[in-house]
Each structure stands twice: as structure tokens, then as C-alpha cells.
Amino acid sequence: MKQYILLLGLLVATAVPVLAAAIIVPNTAQSLERGRESFASRCAECHGRDGRGHVEVIADAGDLTEPLLYRNGSTDEAIDSSIRDGAGAGMPAYGNELKNPDDVGHLRNYIKSLWPADKRPPIEK
């Protein structure tokens, strides 16, 4: 019986996706600029230039300005995962396009700069 329980636990543990550790990229003005450029070319079409997701063509594009509304979570790890692997049925994965892991971190830093002022991380010098 113990073997079956152990095997069941192992199957459950391997079936649960594990989020990779967040990519550590300092939240600097240079990082935000690189992230803004990436956002403009990859994300703004669906999420809007302001990140509010008001685009009529993509009705399900999330509002990136309010982290409490993020369907997959607003931790660094969750945001990185959504960027790399896609989110829901409509958001494509950019993991193959963003070859340098720092590019994911720059994009995440920019997305977090769209949050309300009291929730944004401070800009490092």
C-alpha cells in the first residue's frame, strides 16, 4: 500500500507545472526602455499601448495595469512564464523569439512600470 501512495504522490508531483525562477534584471531606466521597445513590437497590438487591453479586436486581452487582475498571477515568475510560454488561448509564447533571458526580464520590468504608482517597483540607478 505504501508503494502505491508513494507512486501516486510522485505522479501528482510531476504533473504539477513548476514555475522557473524569475530572471533577475535590475529595474533601471535602460531596462525599462528596452522593455518598452519590446512591448511596442510584441504586446501593444493586443494589450494597447497603455497596457489596458482596450483593443476591440482581442476582447480577451488582459489589463496589464492592474496586477490583481492577472489571471496567471503577477509574481515575477508568473509574468516571466506568461511571456515565455504564452497565456490562455490568445497570448502567444515569446520564448523562442526572446532568446536572451534578460529580454524577458526587461519586458517584465516595463509591464510592471504600467502598474499603479504605489505598486510599481522603484527604479534603480
Protein backbone atom coordinates (compact mmCIF):
# COMPACT_ATOMS: atom_id res chain seq x y z
CA MET A 1 0.00 0.00 0.00
CA LYS A 2 2.82 2.42 0.88
CA GLN A 3 4.33 1.87 -2.57
CA TYR A 4 1.07 2.85 -4.27
CA ILE A 5 0.75 6.00 -2.19
CA LEU A 6 4.36 6.91 -2.91
CA LEU A 7 3.83 6.28 -6.64
CA LEU A 8 0.63 8.34 -6.63
CA GLY A 9 2.46 11.20 -4.88
CA LEU A 10 5.23 11.05 -7.44
CA LEU A 11 2.73 11.16 -10.33
CA VAL A 12 0.90 14.14 -8.84
CA ALA A 13 4.15 15.99 -8.15
CA THR A 14 5.37 15.55 -11.72
CA ALA A 15 2.02 16.58 -13.19
CA VAL A 16 2.05 19.99 -11.48
CA PRO A 17 3.95 22.54 -13.55
CA VAL A 18 6.81 24.22 -11.74
CA LEU A 19 7.49 27.86 -12.48
CA ALA A 20 11.09 28.66 -13.29
CA ALA A 21 12.86 31.13 -11.07
CA ALA A 22 12.42 34.74 -12.09
CA ILE A 23 15.03 36.25 -14.31
CA ILE A 24 16.92 38.86 -12.31
CA VAL A 25 17.26 42.04 -14.33
CA PRO A 26 17.71 45.30 -12.41
CA ASN A 27 14.78 47.70 -12.81
CA THR A 28 16.76 50.55 -14.38
CA ALA A 29 15.75 53.26 -16.83
CA GLN A 30 17.72 51.41 -19.52
CA SER A 31 15.86 48.16 -18.77
CA LEU A 32 12.52 49.96 -18.90
CA GLU A 33 13.39 51.46 -22.29
CA ARG A 34 14.38 48.06 -23.69
CA GLY A 35 11.18 46.58 -22.29
CA ARG A 36 9.09 49.43 -23.72
CA GLU A 37 10.51 48.76 -27.20
CA SER A 38 9.75 45.05 -26.87
CA PHE A 39 6.24 45.79 -25.58
CA ALA A 40 5.54 48.12 -28.51
CA SER A 41 6.52 45.47 -31.06
CA ARG A 42 5.03 42.39 -29.36
CA CYS A 43 2.31 43.31 -26.87
CA ALA A 44 0.71 46.63 -27.75
CA GLU A 45 -1.28 45.23 -30.66
CA CYS A 46 -3.46 43.25 -28.22
CA HIS A 47 -2.92 44.96 -24.86
CA GLY A 48 -2.91 48.51 -26.24
CA ARG A 49 -0.08 51.00 -25.97
CA ASP A 50 -1.18 51.83 -22.44
CA GLY A 51 -1.45 48.15 -21.44
CA ARG A 52 -5.13 48.38 -20.55
CA GLY A 53 -6.30 45.77 -23.06
CA HIS A 54 -8.96 48.02 -24.61
CA VAL A 55 -8.37 46.64 -28.07
CA GLU A 56 -11.69 45.66 -29.66
CA VAL A 57 -10.13 43.00 -31.90
CA ILE A 58 -8.81 40.99 -28.95
CA ALA A 59 -11.64 41.06 -26.44
CA ASP A 60 -9.80 38.78 -24.02
CA ALA A 61 -6.53 40.75 -23.80
CA GLY A 62 -5.84 41.33 -20.13
CA ASP A 63 -5.43 44.71 -18.47
CA LEU A 64 -1.75 44.81 -17.55
CA THR A 65 -2.08 47.97 -15.44
CA GLU A 66 -3.70 46.18 -12.50
CA PRO A 67 -1.72 43.23 -11.12
CA LEU A 68 -4.68 41.99 -9.07
CA LEU A 69 -6.47 41.18 -12.35
CA TYR A 70 -3.69 39.00 -13.79
CA ARG A 71 -5.22 35.58 -14.48
CA ASN A 72 -1.92 33.70 -14.10
CA GLY A 73 -0.55 35.76 -11.24
CA SER A 74 1.60 38.87 -11.02
CA THR A 75 4.73 37.48 -9.42
CA ASP A 76 7.93 37.86 -11.41
CA GLU A 77 7.91 34.11 -12.06
CA ALA A 78 4.30 34.13 -13.30
CA ILE A 79 4.86 37.12 -15.59
CA ASP A 80 8.05 35.59 -16.99
CA SER A 81 6.20 32.33 -17.61
CA SER A 82 3.36 34.11 -19.42
CA ILE A 83 5.86 35.93 -21.64
CA ARG A 84 7.89 32.81 -22.41
CA ASP A 85 5.11 30.22 -22.64
CA GLY A 86 2.04 32.27 -23.56
CA ALA A 87 -1.14 32.67 -21.53
CA GLY A 88 -4.62 31.41 -22.16
CA ALA A 89 -5.83 30.67 -25.66
CA GLY A 90 -4.95 34.03 -27.17
CA MET A 91 -1.50 35.06 -25.97
CA PRO A 92 1.37 33.56 -27.95
CA ALA A 93 4.59 32.31 -26.42
CA TYR A 94 7.62 34.55 -26.97
CA GLY A 95 10.22 32.18 -25.54
CA ASN A 96 11.61 31.30 -28.95
CA GLU A 97 11.66 34.93 -30.03
CA LEU A 98 13.27 36.33 -26.89
CA LYS A 99 16.43 34.22 -26.95
CA ASN A 100 18.26 36.25 -24.29
CA PRO A 101 16.61 35.63 -20.88
CA ASP A 102 17.35 39.25 -19.95
CA ASP A 103 14.92 40.34 -22.68
CA VAL A 104 12.12 38.60 -20.77
CA GLY A 105 13.22 40.48 -17.63
CA HIS A 106 13.29 43.83 -19.46
CA LEU A 107 9.77 43.22 -20.78
CA ARG A 108 8.55 42.22 -17.30
CA ASN A 109 10.13 45.34 -15.79
CA TYR A 110 8.30 47.51 -18.32
CA ILE A 111 4.98 45.75 -17.74
CA LYS A 112 5.34 46.39 -14.00
CA SER A 113 6.03 50.07 -14.75
CA LEU A 114 2.41 50.25 -16.02
CA TRP A 115 1.09 49.35 -12.55
CA PRO A 116 -0.34 51.98 -10.19
CA ALA A 117 2.44 54.10 -8.67
CA ASP A 118 2.09 52.55 -5.21
CA LYS A 119 2.58 49.02 -6.63
CA ARG A 120 5.49 49.71 -9.02
CA PRO A 121 8.95 48.63 -8.05
CA PRO A 122 11.38 51.55 -7.60
CA ILE A 123 13.68 52.41 -10.47
CA GLU A 124 17.28 51.58 -9.64
CA LYS A 125 20.13 53.84 -10.64
